[in-house]
């Protein structure tokens, strides 16, 4: 039985901005078909109704938006195990991307990244770390950027079999 309060809900902070519900455009650095059917996040989109890879695709910042909102807000923690090995295989293709992406902010955070943004690579690495370290998501906020040291660590881990590790990850300070 589903209870409305038990649903993990993803919604956009309201400020009169258009948010991510705009037409997506194809990416130059990745296969256009991967991005072409990205879901649109709405105020009442239950996160458990999306696959992790679809959530990731929805975080790509639209190039056609003028002065859009640069973050999405998550009301509740995404459950451990939400990101699958299959998702990680797809996310690995995007860890080097410097394309702009939305930050992810917990409603518990007192900080709103109004002057910041994330990168597609940074968000891909955050989601990979959910699988890798069996974490809950999001931290209070994440405007993860593409980072060469983190790319090297994740690439090495993946080349060694990519099995989940039994340790906690402290998110790096932004």
N, C-alpha and C. Protein backbone atom coordinates (compact mmCIF):
# COMPACT_ATOMS: atom_id res chain seq x y z
N UNK A 1 0.85 -1.17 0.00
CA UNK A 1 0.00 0.00 0.00
C UNK A 1 0.89 1.23 0.00
N UNK A 2 0.56 2.16 -0.85
CA UNK A 2 1.33 3.39 -0.92
C UNK A 2 0.63 4.49 -0.15
N UNK A 3 1.37 5.17 0.65
CA UNK A 3 0.87 6.30 1.41
C UNK A 3 1.53 7.54 0.84
N UNK A 4 0.78 8.59 0.61
CA UNK A 4 1.31 9.78 -0.03
C UNK A 4 2.56 10.31 0.67
N UNK A 5 2.57 10.33 2.00
CA UNK A 5 3.74 10.84 2.71
C UNK A 5 4.93 9.91 2.59
N UNK A 6 4.71 8.64 2.31
CA UNK A 6 5.81 7.69 2.19
C UNK A 6 6.52 7.81 0.84
N UNK A 7 5.87 8.41 -0.10
CA UNK A 7 6.49 8.60 -1.41
C UNK A 7 7.65 9.56 -1.30
N UNK A 8 8.69 9.24 -2.00
CA UNK A 8 9.78 10.19 -2.12
C UNK A 8 9.41 11.09 -3.28
N UNK A 9 9.32 12.36 -3.03
CA UNK A 9 8.84 13.29 -4.03
C UNK A 9 9.98 14.20 -4.47
N UNK A 10 10.05 14.42 -5.75
CA UNK A 10 11.01 15.36 -6.28
C UNK A 10 10.22 16.55 -6.78
N UNK A 11 10.65 17.72 -6.41
CA UNK A 11 9.95 18.89 -6.90
C UNK A 11 10.94 20.01 -7.12
N UNK A 12 10.54 20.96 -7.90
CA UNK A 12 11.37 22.12 -8.15
C UNK A 12 11.01 23.22 -7.18
N UNK A 13 12.01 23.85 -6.64
CA UNK A 13 11.75 25.00 -5.78
C UNK A 13 11.05 26.06 -6.62
N UNK A 14 10.08 26.68 -6.04
CA UNK A 14 9.27 27.61 -6.79
C UNK A 14 9.80 29.04 -6.67
N UNK A 15 10.11 29.64 -7.79
CA UNK A 15 10.55 31.04 -7.75
C UNK A 15 10.06 31.79 -8.99
N UNK A 16 9.13 31.20 -9.69
CA UNK A 16 8.64 31.87 -10.88
C UNK A 16 9.51 31.60 -12.09
N UNK A 17 10.53 30.71 -11.94
CA UNK A 17 11.41 30.37 -13.05
C UNK A 17 10.82 29.18 -13.79
N UNK A 18 11.32 28.95 -14.98
CA UNK A 18 10.76 27.88 -15.79
C UNK A 18 11.20 26.51 -15.33
N UNK A 19 12.32 26.36 -14.64
CA UNK A 19 12.80 25.07 -14.19
C UNK A 19 13.11 24.15 -15.34
N UNK A 20 13.21 22.83 -15.06
CA UNK A 20 13.63 21.94 -16.11
C UNK A 20 12.54 21.48 -17.05
N UNK A 21 11.31 21.98 -16.93
CA UNK A 21 10.28 21.52 -17.83
C UNK A 21 10.30 22.31 -19.14
N UNK A 22 11.43 22.20 -19.83
CA UNK A 22 11.61 22.81 -21.14
C UNK A 22 12.05 21.72 -22.09
N UNK A 23 12.04 22.01 -23.36
CA UNK A 23 12.44 21.03 -24.36
C UNK A 23 13.93 20.75 -24.23
N UNK A 24 14.28 19.48 -24.22
CA UNK A 24 15.68 19.07 -24.14
C UNK A 24 16.30 19.12 -25.53
N UNK A 25 17.59 19.40 -25.58
CA UNK A 25 18.30 19.38 -26.84
C UNK A 25 19.36 18.30 -26.78
N UNK A 26 19.79 17.83 -27.93
CA UNK A 26 20.78 16.76 -28.00
C UNK A 26 22.13 17.26 -27.51
N UNK A 27 22.86 16.35 -26.91
CA UNK A 27 24.19 16.66 -26.38
C UNK A 27 25.25 16.49 -27.46
N UNK A 28 26.25 17.35 -27.43
CA UNK A 28 27.36 17.21 -28.36
C UNK A 28 28.34 16.13 -27.93
N UNK A 29 28.46 15.88 -26.62
CA UNK A 29 29.48 14.95 -26.13
C UNK A 29 28.97 13.53 -25.95
N UNK A 30 27.70 13.29 -26.15
CA UNK A 30 27.14 11.96 -25.95
C UNK A 30 26.13 11.66 -27.03
N UNK A 31 25.72 10.39 -27.09
CA UNK A 31 24.74 9.95 -28.05
C UNK A 31 23.43 10.72 -27.87
N UNK A 32 22.97 11.35 -28.93
CA UNK A 32 21.76 12.17 -28.86
C UNK A 32 20.55 11.37 -28.40
N UNK A 33 20.47 10.10 -28.73
CA UNK A 33 19.31 9.31 -28.33
C UNK A 33 19.24 9.11 -26.82
N UNK A 34 20.39 9.13 -26.14
CA UNK A 34 20.39 9.00 -24.68
C UNK A 34 19.64 10.15 -24.04
N UNK A 35 19.84 11.36 -24.55
CA UNK A 35 19.26 12.56 -23.95
C UNK A 35 17.89 12.91 -24.53
N UNK A 36 17.53 12.36 -25.68
CA UNK A 36 16.34 12.83 -26.39
C UNK A 36 15.03 12.62 -25.64
N UNK A 37 14.92 11.59 -24.84
CA UNK A 37 13.67 11.32 -24.13
C UNK A 37 13.80 11.51 -22.62
N UNK A 38 14.62 12.46 -22.22
CA UNK A 38 14.80 12.72 -20.78
C UNK A 38 13.46 13.12 -20.16
N UNK A 39 13.16 12.57 -18.99
CA UNK A 39 11.89 12.93 -18.35
C UNK A 39 11.90 14.37 -17.88
N UNK A 40 10.73 14.92 -17.76
CA UNK A 40 10.56 16.27 -17.22
C UNK A 40 10.16 16.11 -15.76
N UNK A 41 10.89 16.78 -14.89
CA UNK A 41 10.59 16.70 -13.46
C UNK A 41 9.54 17.74 -13.11
N UNK A 42 8.51 17.32 -12.41
CA UNK A 42 7.45 18.21 -11.98
C UNK A 42 7.38 18.19 -10.46
N UNK A 43 6.62 19.10 -9.89
CA UNK A 43 6.53 19.21 -8.43
C UNK A 43 6.06 17.92 -7.77
N UNK A 44 5.27 17.14 -8.46
CA UNK A 44 4.71 15.95 -7.83
C UNK A 44 5.25 14.65 -8.43
N UNK A 45 6.43 14.67 -9.02
CA UNK A 45 7.02 13.46 -9.59
C UNK A 45 7.59 12.59 -8.47
N UNK A 46 6.99 11.42 -8.20
CA UNK A 46 7.56 10.54 -7.18
C UNK A 46 8.90 9.99 -7.69
N UNK A 47 9.94 10.16 -6.91
CA UNK A 47 11.26 9.72 -7.33
C UNK A 47 11.29 8.21 -7.53
N UNK A 48 10.48 7.47 -6.75
CA UNK A 48 10.48 6.02 -6.91
C UNK A 48 9.76 5.58 -8.19
N UNK A 49 9.18 6.53 -8.91
CA UNK A 49 8.58 6.21 -10.20
C UNK A 49 9.60 6.34 -11.34
N UNK A 50 10.80 6.86 -11.03
CA UNK A 50 11.85 7.01 -12.03
C UNK A 50 12.97 6.02 -11.79
N UNK A 51 13.54 5.53 -12.87
CA UNK A 51 14.79 4.77 -12.75
C UNK A 51 15.90 5.78 -12.48
N UNK A 52 16.95 5.34 -11.83
CA UNK A 52 18.07 6.24 -11.51
C UNK A 52 18.63 6.90 -12.76
N UNK A 53 18.73 6.17 -13.84
CA UNK A 53 19.30 6.73 -15.07
C UNK A 53 18.37 7.80 -15.65
N UNK A 54 17.07 7.66 -15.47
CA UNK A 54 16.13 8.68 -15.94
C UNK A 54 16.24 9.95 -15.10
N UNK A 55 16.42 9.79 -13.79
CA UNK A 55 16.65 10.94 -12.93
C UNK A 55 17.91 11.68 -13.38
N UNK A 56 18.98 10.93 -13.65
CA UNK A 56 20.23 11.52 -14.14
C UNK A 56 19.99 12.30 -15.44
N UNK A 57 19.29 11.71 -16.37
CA UNK A 57 19.03 12.38 -17.66
C UNK A 57 18.24 13.67 -17.44
N UNK A 58 17.35 13.69 -16.47
CA UNK A 58 16.55 14.88 -16.19
C UNK A 58 17.38 16.00 -15.56
N UNK A 59 18.57 15.67 -15.03
CA UNK A 59 19.41 16.68 -14.40
C UNK A 59 20.23 17.50 -15.39
N UNK A 60 20.29 17.06 -16.64
CA UNK A 60 21.05 17.82 -17.63
C UNK A 60 20.39 19.18 -17.82
N UNK A 61 21.18 20.21 -17.75
CA UNK A 61 20.68 21.58 -17.87
C UNK A 61 20.30 21.85 -19.32
N UNK A 62 19.10 22.34 -19.59
CA UNK A 62 18.72 22.63 -20.97
C UNK A 62 19.46 23.85 -21.49
N UNK A 63 19.99 23.73 -22.68
CA UNK A 63 20.72 24.86 -23.26
C UNK A 63 19.79 25.93 -23.78
N UNK A 64 18.51 25.59 -23.94
CA UNK A 64 17.56 26.54 -24.52
C UNK A 64 16.90 27.45 -23.49
N UNK A 65 17.11 27.19 -22.22
CA UNK A 65 16.42 27.97 -21.19
C UNK A 65 17.13 29.30 -20.95
N UNK A 66 16.34 30.33 -20.76
CA UNK A 66 16.93 31.61 -20.42
C UNK A 66 16.73 31.86 -18.93
N UNK A 67 17.82 32.02 -18.21
CA UNK A 67 17.85 32.22 -16.76
C UNK A 67 16.97 31.21 -16.02
N UNK A 68 17.26 29.91 -16.21
CA UNK A 68 16.46 28.89 -15.52
C UNK A 68 16.91 28.71 -14.07
N UNK A 69 16.10 28.03 -13.32
CA UNK A 69 16.43 27.62 -11.97
C UNK A 69 17.55 26.58 -12.07
N UNK A 70 18.60 26.69 -11.24
CA UNK A 70 19.75 25.81 -11.38
C UNK A 70 19.78 24.66 -10.38
N UNK A 71 18.68 24.34 -9.74
CA UNK A 71 18.68 23.21 -8.82
C UNK A 71 17.31 22.55 -8.79
N UNK A 72 17.31 21.27 -8.42
CA UNK A 72 16.09 20.54 -8.12
C UNK A 72 16.17 20.18 -6.65
N UNK A 73 15.03 20.07 -6.02
CA UNK A 73 14.97 19.79 -4.60
C UNK A 73 14.34 18.42 -4.38
N UNK A 74 14.95 17.63 -3.52
CA UNK A 74 14.45 16.30 -3.20
C UNK A 74 13.91 16.35 -1.78
N UNK A 75 12.67 15.92 -1.60
CA UNK A 75 12.03 15.98 -0.29
C UNK A 75 12.55 14.92 0.67
N UNK A 76 12.79 13.71 0.19
CA UNK A 76 13.20 12.62 1.06
C UNK A 76 14.42 11.93 0.46
N UNK A 77 15.08 11.14 1.27
CA UNK A 77 16.24 10.39 0.81
C UNK A 77 15.81 9.35 -0.22
N UNK A 78 16.66 9.19 -1.21
CA UNK A 78 16.45 8.13 -2.20
C UNK A 78 16.98 6.85 -1.57
N UNK A 79 16.26 5.75 -1.66
CA UNK A 79 16.67 4.54 -0.95
C UNK A 79 17.98 3.95 -1.46
N UNK A 80 18.72 3.32 -0.54
CA UNK A 80 19.92 2.59 -0.93
C UNK A 80 19.53 1.52 -1.93
N UNK A 81 20.41 1.24 -2.86
CA UNK A 81 20.13 0.21 -3.86
C UNK A 81 19.36 0.72 -5.06
N UNK A 82 19.02 2.00 -5.08
CA UNK A 82 18.25 2.57 -6.18
C UNK A 82 19.06 2.58 -7.48
N UNK A 83 20.35 2.86 -7.38
CA UNK A 83 21.23 2.84 -8.56
C UNK A 83 21.71 1.41 -8.76
N UNK A 84 21.52 0.89 -9.96
CA UNK A 84 21.90 -0.48 -10.27
C UNK A 84 23.23 -0.53 -11.02
N UNK A 85 23.80 -1.71 -11.12
CA UNK A 85 25.03 -1.91 -11.88
C UNK A 85 24.83 -1.50 -13.34
N UNK A 86 23.67 -1.79 -13.89
CA UNK A 86 23.36 -1.38 -15.26
C UNK A 86 23.36 0.14 -15.39
N UNK A 87 22.82 0.84 -14.39
CA UNK A 87 22.87 2.31 -14.38
C UNK A 87 24.31 2.80 -14.37
N UNK A 88 25.14 2.17 -13.53
CA UNK A 88 26.54 2.58 -13.43
C UNK A 88 27.23 2.45 -14.78
N UNK A 89 26.97 1.37 -15.49
CA UNK A 89 27.59 1.18 -16.81
C UNK A 89 27.26 2.35 -17.74
N UNK A 90 26.03 2.83 -17.69
CA UNK A 90 25.64 3.97 -18.53
C UNK A 90 26.22 5.28 -17.99
N UNK A 91 26.25 5.44 -16.67
CA UNK A 91 26.78 6.66 -16.06
C UNK A 91 28.27 6.81 -16.34
N UNK A 92 29.00 5.71 -16.42
CA UNK A 92 30.44 5.76 -16.67
C UNK A 92 30.76 6.50 -17.97
N UNK A 93 29.86 6.43 -18.93
CA UNK A 93 30.08 7.10 -20.22
C UNK A 93 30.02 8.63 -20.10
N UNK A 94 29.56 9.15 -18.96
CA UNK A 94 29.33 10.59 -18.82
C UNK A 94 30.20 11.26 -17.76
N UNK A 95 31.09 10.52 -17.09
CA UNK A 95 31.82 11.10 -15.97
C UNK A 95 32.80 12.20 -16.37
N UNK A 96 33.17 12.26 -17.63
CA UNK A 96 34.10 13.30 -18.08
C UNK A 96 33.39 14.54 -18.65
N UNK A 97 32.09 14.52 -18.67
CA UNK A 97 31.32 15.62 -19.27
C UNK A 97 31.37 16.88 -18.40
N UNK A 98 31.63 18.00 -19.05
CA UNK A 98 31.60 19.30 -18.37
C UNK A 98 30.33 20.08 -18.70
N UNK A 99 29.38 19.41 -19.33
CA UNK A 99 28.12 20.09 -19.63
C UNK A 99 27.41 20.46 -18.33
N UNK A 100 26.67 21.53 -18.38
CA UNK A 100 25.98 22.05 -17.20
C UNK A 100 24.83 21.13 -16.80
N UNK A 101 24.65 20.99 -15.49
CA UNK A 101 23.56 20.17 -14.93
C UNK A 101 22.98 20.90 -13.73
N UNK A 102 21.81 20.47 -13.32
CA UNK A 102 21.19 21.02 -12.13
C UNK A 102 21.87 20.51 -10.88
N UNK A 103 21.97 21.35 -9.85
CA UNK A 103 22.37 20.91 -8.53
C UNK A 103 21.20 20.15 -7.93
N UNK A 104 21.49 19.30 -6.94
CA UNK A 104 20.44 18.57 -6.23
C UNK A 104 20.51 19.00 -4.78
N UNK A 105 19.35 19.42 -4.23
CA UNK A 105 19.30 19.97 -2.88
C UNK A 105 18.22 19.25 -2.07
N UNK A 106 18.57 18.87 -0.85
CA UNK A 106 17.58 18.30 0.07
C UNK A 106 16.76 19.44 0.66
N UNK A 107 15.50 19.19 0.92
CA UNK A 107 14.67 20.22 1.56
C UNK A 107 15.17 20.54 2.96
N UNK A 108 15.99 19.68 3.53
CA UNK A 108 16.55 19.92 4.86
C UNK A 108 17.71 20.90 4.84
N UNK A 109 18.20 21.21 3.66
CA UNK A 109 19.34 22.11 3.53
C UNK A 109 18.92 23.55 3.75
N UNK A 110 19.75 24.30 4.46
CA UNK A 110 19.49 25.73 4.62
C UNK A 110 20.15 26.53 3.51
N UNK A 111 20.87 25.83 2.63
CA UNK A 111 21.60 26.49 1.54
C UNK A 111 20.91 26.23 0.22
N UNK A 112 20.73 27.26 -0.57
CA UNK A 112 20.23 27.12 -1.93
C UNK A 112 21.30 27.64 -2.88
N UNK A 113 21.78 26.80 -3.78
CA UNK A 113 22.86 27.19 -4.68
C UNK A 113 22.38 28.06 -5.84
N UNK A 114 21.99 29.27 -5.53
CA UNK A 114 21.44 30.15 -6.56
C UNK A 114 22.50 30.68 -7.52
N UNK A 115 23.76 30.69 -7.11
CA UNK A 115 24.84 31.17 -7.97
C UNK A 115 25.78 30.05 -8.37
N UNK A 116 25.29 28.83 -8.42
CA UNK A 116 26.14 27.69 -8.70
C UNK A 116 25.40 26.75 -9.64
N UNK A 117 26.13 25.86 -10.24
CA UNK A 117 25.53 24.80 -11.04
C UNK A 117 26.44 23.59 -10.93
N UNK A 118 25.98 22.50 -11.43
CA UNK A 118 26.71 21.25 -11.40
C UNK A 118 27.15 20.93 -12.82
N UNK A 119 27.83 19.80 -12.99
CA UNK A 119 28.12 19.31 -14.33
C UNK A 119 27.52 17.91 -14.48
N UNK A 120 27.29 17.52 -15.71
CA UNK A 120 26.77 16.19 -15.99
C UNK A 120 27.73 15.15 -15.41
N UNK A 121 29.04 15.36 -15.58
CA UNK A 121 30.02 14.42 -15.04
C UNK A 121 29.97 14.34 -13.53
N UNK A 122 29.82 15.48 -12.86
CA UNK A 122 29.74 15.49 -11.41
C UNK A 122 28.52 14.75 -10.90
N UNK A 123 27.37 14.96 -11.53
CA UNK A 123 26.16 14.25 -11.10
C UNK A 123 26.27 12.76 -11.40
N UNK A 124 26.90 12.40 -12.53
CA UNK A 124 27.10 10.98 -12.84
C UNK A 124 27.95 10.33 -11.76
N UNK A 125 29.01 11.01 -11.33
CA UNK A 125 29.89 10.46 -10.30
C UNK A 125 29.17 10.36 -8.95
N UNK A 126 28.32 11.32 -8.61
CA UNK A 126 27.54 11.23 -7.38
C UNK A 126 26.66 9.99 -7.39
N UNK A 127 25.98 9.74 -8.51
CA UNK A 127 25.10 8.57 -8.60
C UNK A 127 25.90 7.27 -8.61
N UNK A 128 27.06 7.26 -9.25
CA UNK A 128 27.92 6.07 -9.21
C UNK A 128 28.33 5.78 -7.76
N UNK A 129 28.66 6.83 -7.01
CA UNK A 129 29.06 6.64 -5.61
C UNK A 129 27.93 6.09 -4.75
N UNK A 130 26.68 6.33 -5.14
CA UNK A 130 25.56 5.72 -4.40
C UNK A 130 25.65 4.21 -4.49
N UNK A 131 25.93 3.71 -5.68
CA UNK A 131 26.08 2.28 -5.89
C UNK A 131 27.37 1.77 -5.24
N UNK A 132 28.44 2.48 -5.49
CA UNK A 132 29.77 2.07 -5.04
C UNK A 132 29.87 1.98 -3.51
N UNK A 133 29.29 2.95 -2.81
CA UNK A 133 29.41 3.01 -1.36
C UNK A 133 28.10 2.72 -0.62
N UNK A 134 27.06 2.31 -1.37
CA UNK A 134 25.76 1.99 -0.78
C UNK A 134 25.23 3.13 0.09
N UNK A 135 25.18 4.29 -0.48
CA UNK A 135 24.78 5.51 0.22
C UNK A 135 23.32 5.84 0.02
N UNK A 136 22.82 6.68 0.91
CA UNK A 136 21.54 7.34 0.67
C UNK A 136 21.86 8.63 -0.07
N UNK A 137 20.86 9.19 -0.73
CA UNK A 137 21.08 10.37 -1.55
C UNK A 137 19.88 11.28 -1.40
N UNK A 138 20.01 12.55 -1.48
CA UNK A 138 21.23 13.33 -1.66
C UNK A 138 21.84 13.70 -0.32
N UNK A 139 23.07 14.23 -0.37
CA UNK A 139 23.57 14.90 0.82
C UNK A 139 22.71 16.16 0.99
N UNK A 140 23.02 17.03 1.90
CA UNK A 140 22.19 18.23 2.03
C UNK A 140 22.09 18.98 0.71
N UNK A 141 23.18 19.06 -0.01
CA UNK A 141 23.14 19.64 -1.35
C UNK A 141 24.35 19.14 -2.13
N UNK A 142 24.21 19.10 -3.42
CA UNK A 142 25.33 18.70 -4.27
C UNK A 142 25.30 19.50 -5.56
N UNK A 143 26.36 20.23 -5.78
CA UNK A 143 26.61 20.88 -7.06
C UNK A 143 27.90 20.29 -7.60
N UNK A 144 27.91 18.97 -7.69
CA UNK A 144 29.12 18.23 -8.05
C UNK A 144 29.64 18.66 -9.42
N UNK A 145 30.94 18.79 -9.48
CA UNK A 145 31.63 19.17 -10.71
C UNK A 145 32.44 17.98 -11.21
N UNK A 146 32.76 18.01 -12.48
CA UNK A 146 33.66 17.01 -13.05
C UNK A 146 35.03 17.22 -12.42
N UNK A 147 35.61 16.16 -11.88
CA UNK A 147 36.84 16.25 -11.11
C UNK A 147 37.78 15.13 -11.56
N UNK A 148 39.00 15.49 -11.99
CA UNK A 148 39.92 14.50 -12.55
C UNK A 148 40.34 13.44 -11.52
N UNK A 149 40.55 13.83 -10.26
CA UNK A 149 40.92 12.84 -9.24
C UNK A 149 39.79 11.85 -9.00
N UNK A 150 38.59 12.36 -8.96
CA UNK A 150 37.44 11.49 -8.74
C UNK A 150 37.21 10.59 -9.96
N UNK A 151 37.42 11.13 -11.16
CA UNK A 151 37.32 10.32 -12.38
C UNK A 151 38.31 9.16 -12.31
N UNK A 152 39.55 9.45 -11.92
CA UNK A 152 40.58 8.42 -11.85
C UNK A 152 40.20 7.33 -10.84
N UNK A 153 39.69 7.73 -9.68
CA UNK A 153 39.30 6.78 -8.65
C UNK A 153 38.15 5.89 -9.13
N UNK A 154 37.13 6.50 -9.72
CA UNK A 154 35.97 5.74 -10.19
C UNK A 154 36.35 4.84 -11.36
N UNK A 155 37.16 5.33 -12.28
CA UNK A 155 37.59 4.53 -13.43
C UNK A 155 38.38 3.32 -12.96
N UNK A 156 39.29 3.51 -12.01
CA UNK A 156 40.09 2.40 -11.46
C UNK A 156 39.17 1.38 -10.80
N UNK A 157 38.24 1.86 -9.96
CA UNK A 157 37.29 0.98 -9.30
C UNK A 157 36.49 0.17 -10.31
N UNK A 158 36.00 0.81 -11.37
CA UNK A 158 35.18 0.15 -12.38
C UNK A 158 36.00 -0.88 -13.14
N UNK A 159 37.25 -0.54 -13.48
CA UNK A 159 38.11 -1.48 -14.22
C UNK A 159 38.48 -2.71 -13.38
N UNK A 160 38.40 -2.58 -12.06
CA UNK A 160 38.70 -3.70 -11.15
C UNK A 160 37.46 -4.52 -10.82
N UNK A 161 36.39 -4.31 -11.52
CA UNK A 161 35.18 -5.11 -11.34
C UNK A 161 33.98 -4.33 -10.89
N UNK A 162 34.17 -3.14 -10.35
CA UNK A 162 33.06 -2.28 -9.99
C UNK A 162 32.08 -2.83 -8.98
N UNK A 163 32.59 -3.55 -7.99
CA UNK A 163 31.72 -4.09 -6.96
C UNK A 163 31.51 -3.06 -5.86
N UNK A 164 30.33 -3.06 -5.23
CA UNK A 164 30.10 -2.12 -4.14
C UNK A 164 31.14 -2.32 -3.03
N UNK A 165 31.56 -1.22 -2.43
CA UNK A 165 32.56 -1.26 -1.36
C UNK A 165 31.86 -1.13 -0.02
N UNK A 166 32.48 -1.66 1.01
CA UNK A 166 31.91 -1.62 2.36
C UNK A 166 32.51 -0.48 3.16
N UNK A 167 32.29 0.72 2.69
CA UNK A 167 32.78 1.89 3.42
C UNK A 167 31.89 3.08 3.12
N UNK A 168 31.91 4.02 4.00
CA UNK A 168 31.15 5.24 3.81
C UNK A 168 31.99 6.25 3.06
N UNK A 169 31.36 7.06 2.27
CA UNK A 169 32.06 8.11 1.53
C UNK A 169 31.68 9.43 2.14
N UNK A 170 32.66 10.25 2.43
CA UNK A 170 32.39 11.62 2.83
C UNK A 170 32.44 12.46 1.57
N UNK A 171 31.33 13.08 1.23
CA UNK A 171 31.29 13.89 0.02
C UNK A 171 32.33 15.01 0.15
N UNK A 172 33.07 15.26 -0.94
CA UNK A 172 34.08 16.32 -0.87
C UNK A 172 33.40 17.68 -0.71
N UNK A 173 34.09 18.58 -0.03
CA UNK A 173 33.55 19.93 0.12
C UNK A 173 33.59 20.62 -1.22
N UNK A 174 32.53 21.32 -1.53
CA UNK A 174 32.42 21.98 -2.83
C UNK A 174 33.12 23.32 -2.79
